[in-house]
C-alpha atoms as a PDB file:
ATOM      1  CA  GLN A   1     -15.071   9.740   7.894  1.00  0.00           C
ATOM      2  CA  ASN A   2     -16.740   6.724   6.380  1.00  0.00           C
ATOM      3  CA  ALA A   3     -17.547   3.500   8.201  1.00  0.00           C
ATOM      4  CA  LEU A   4     -17.922   1.361   5.080  1.00  0.00           C
ATOM      5  CA  ARG A   5     -16.003  -1.913   5.195  1.00  0.00           C
ATOM      6  CA  LEU A   6     -14.957  -4.048   2.232  1.00  0.00           C
ATOM      7  CA  HIS A   7     -14.032  -7.714   2.551  1.00  0.00           C
ATOM      8  CA  PHE A   8     -11.641  -9.351   0.104  1.00  0.00           C
ATOM      9  CA  GLY A   9     -11.036 -13.085  -0.090  1.00  0.00           C
ATOM     10  CA  LEU A  10      -7.506 -14.216  -0.889  1.00  0.00           C
ATOM     11  CA  GLY A  11      -8.182 -17.947  -1.171  1.00  0.00           C
ATOM     12  CA  GLU A  12      -5.077 -19.861  -0.107  1.00  0.00           C
ATOM     13  CA  ALA A  13      -2.799 -16.819  -0.417  1.00  0.00           C
ATOM     14  CA  ALA A  14      -1.371 -15.300   2.765  1.00  0.00           C
ATOM     15  CA  SER A  15      -1.084 -11.837   1.240  1.00  0.00           C
ATOM     16  CA  ALA A  16      -2.091  -9.675  -1.699  1.00  0.00           C
ATOM     17  CA  GLU A  17       0.673  -8.620  -4.057  1.00  0.00           C
ATOM     18  CA  ALA A  18      -0.891  -5.158  -4.212  1.00  0.00           C
ATOM     19  CA  VAL A  19      -4.070  -3.305  -3.304  1.00  0.00           C
ATOM     20  CA  THR A  20      -4.977  -0.273  -5.399  1.00  0.00           C
ATOM     21  CA  VAL A  21      -7.543   2.216  -4.095  1.00  0.00           C
ATOM     22  CA  ARG A  22      -9.238   4.821  -6.262  1.00  0.00           C
ATOM     23  CA  TRP A  23     -10.828   7.302  -3.883  1.00  0.00           C
ATOM     24  CA  PRO A  24     -14.266   8.222  -5.243  1.00  0.00           C
ATOM     25  CA  ALA A  25     -14.498  11.848  -4.087  1.00  0.00           C
ATOM     26  CA  SER A  26     -11.085  13.063  -5.259  1.00  0.00           C
ATOM     27  CA  GLY A  27     -10.216  10.464  -7.885  1.00  0.00           C
ATOM     28  CA  ALA A  28      -6.812  10.048  -6.222  1.00  0.00           C
ATOM     29  CA  VAL A  29      -5.176   6.626  -6.565  1.00  0.00           C
ATOM     30  CA  GLU A  30      -3.061   4.952  -3.884  1.00  0.00           C
ATOM     31  CA  ARG A  31      -1.248   1.611  -4.194  1.00  0.00           C
ATOM     32  CA  PHE A  32      -0.224  -0.558  -1.265  1.00  0.00           C
ATOM     33  CA  ALA A  33       2.218  -3.432  -1.898  1.00  0.00           C
ATOM     34  CA  ASP A  34       2.532  -6.793  -0.114  1.00  0.00           C
ATOM     35  CA  VAL A  35      -0.619  -6.487   2.008  1.00  0.00           C
ATOM     36  CA  ALA A  36      -0.886  -9.301   4.571  1.00  0.00           C
ATOM     37  CA  GLY A  37      -4.188 -11.171   4.692  1.00  0.00           C
ATOM     38  CA  ASP A  38      -6.416 -12.094   7.623  1.00  0.00           C
ATOM     39  CA  ARG A  39      -6.420  -8.520   8.910  1.00  0.00           C
ATOM     40  CA  ILE A  40      -8.770  -5.593   9.349  1.00  0.00           C
ATOM     41  CA  LEU A  41      -7.071  -2.534   7.903  1.00  0.00           C
ATOM     42  CA  ALA A  42      -8.086   1.108   7.965  1.00  0.00           C
ATOM     43  CA  LEU A  43      -7.109   3.362   5.092  1.00  0.00           C
ATOM     44  CA  VAL A  44      -7.103   7.141   5.287  1.00  0.00           C
ATOM     45  CA  GLU A  45      -7.084   8.954   1.974  1.00  0.00           C
ATOM     46  CA  GLY A  46      -3.744  10.563   1.245  1.00  0.00           C
ATOM     47  CA  SER A  47      -1.936   9.059   4.238  1.00  0.00           C
ATOM     48  CA  GLY A  48      -0.157   6.346   2.256  1.00  0.00           C
ATOM     49  CA  ARG A  49      -0.536   4.025   5.263  1.00  0.00           C
ATOM     50  CA  LEU A  50      -2.505   0.924   6.152  1.00  0.00           C
ATOM     51  CA  ILE A  51      -3.480   0.941   9.816  1.00  0.00           C
ATOM     52  CA  GLU A  52      -4.255  -2.437  11.374  1.00  0.00           C
ATOM     53  CA  ARG A  53      -7.317  -2.454  13.618  1.00  0.00           C
ATOM     54  CA  ARG A  54      -7.324  -5.022  16.388  1.00  0.00           C
ATOM     55  CA  TYR A  55     -10.489  -6.438  17.837  1.00  0.00           C
ATOM     56  CA  PRO A  56     -10.790  -9.038  20.592  1.00  0.00           C
ATOM     57  CA  ALA A  57     -11.181 -12.554  19.225  1.00  0.00           C
ATOM     58  CA  PRO A  58     -14.499 -14.213  19.986  1.00  0.00           C
ATOM     59  CA  ALA A  59     -14.322 -16.870  22.702  1.00  0.00           C
ATOM     60  CA  GLU A  60     -15.617 -19.476  20.286  1.00  0.00           C
ATOM     61  CA  ARG A  61     -16.415 -19.153  16.613  1.00  0.00           C
ATOM     62  CA  ARG A  62     -19.593 -20.864  15.535  1.00  0.00           C
ATOM     63  CA  TYR A  63     -20.268 -21.410  11.894  1.00  0.00           C
ATOM     64  CA  PRO A  64     -23.611 -22.700  10.651  1.00  0.00           C
ATOM     65  CA  GLU A  65     -23.628 -25.997   8.816  1.00  0.00           C
ATOM     66  CA  PRO A  66     -23.625 -25.249   5.113  1.00  0.00           C
ATOM     67  CA  ALA A  67     -26.877 -25.865   3.286  1.00  0.00           C
ATOM     68  CA  ARG A  68     -27.118 -29.282   1.681  1.00  0.00           C
ATOM     69  CA  ARG A  69     -28.995 -30.377  -1.356  1.00  0.00           C
ATOM     70  CA  GLU A  70     -31.837 -32.772  -0.660  1.00  0.00           C
ATOM     71  CA  SER A  71     -29.856 -35.638  -2.235  1.00  0.00           C
ATOM     72  CA  GLU A  72     -26.938 -35.032   0.179  1.00  0.00           C
ATOM     73  CA  ARG A  73     -28.981 -35.147   3.352  1.00  0.00           C
ATOM     74  CA  PRO A  74     -28.716 -38.289   5.444  1.00  0.00           C
ATOM     75  CA  ALA A  75     -31.709 -40.578   5.253  1.00  0.00           C
ATOM     76  CA  ALA A  76     -34.020 -40.507   8.245  1.00  0.00           C
ATOM     77  CA  GLU A  77     -33.620 -43.458  10.571  1.00  0.00           C
ATOM     78  CA  PRO A  78     -36.552 -45.869  10.493  1.00  0.00           C
ATOM     79  CA  ALA A  79     -38.900 -45.719  13.455  1.00  0.00           C
ATOM     80  CA  PRO A  80     -38.317 -48.504  15.996  1.00  0.00           C
ATOM     81  CA  ALA A  81     -40.706 -51.436  15.814  1.00  0.00           C
ATOM     82  CA  PRO A  82     -43.474 -51.377  18.425  1.00  0.00           C
ATOM     83  CA  ALA A  83     -42.791 -53.509  21.517  1.00  0.00           C
ATOM     84  CA  ARG A  84     -44.865 -56.700  21.875  1.00  0.00           C
END
């Protein structure tokens, strides 16, 4: 068994027309057609099947704010004038 995971981005597409796997140890090639996106799939060499793995969804997804270039950062607010 191998716990390596590969992540493929599909952009705006909901599925991949085909996924072709060349197994490194045996050199065998398997092709899977019409593979739905947004899934975690397990492949077992020689089985000819894609097995969907289900994991509980996180309660809340938190994504960090993307890095900004210095020119895109908001200007700092001026300090308030001292009270008289």
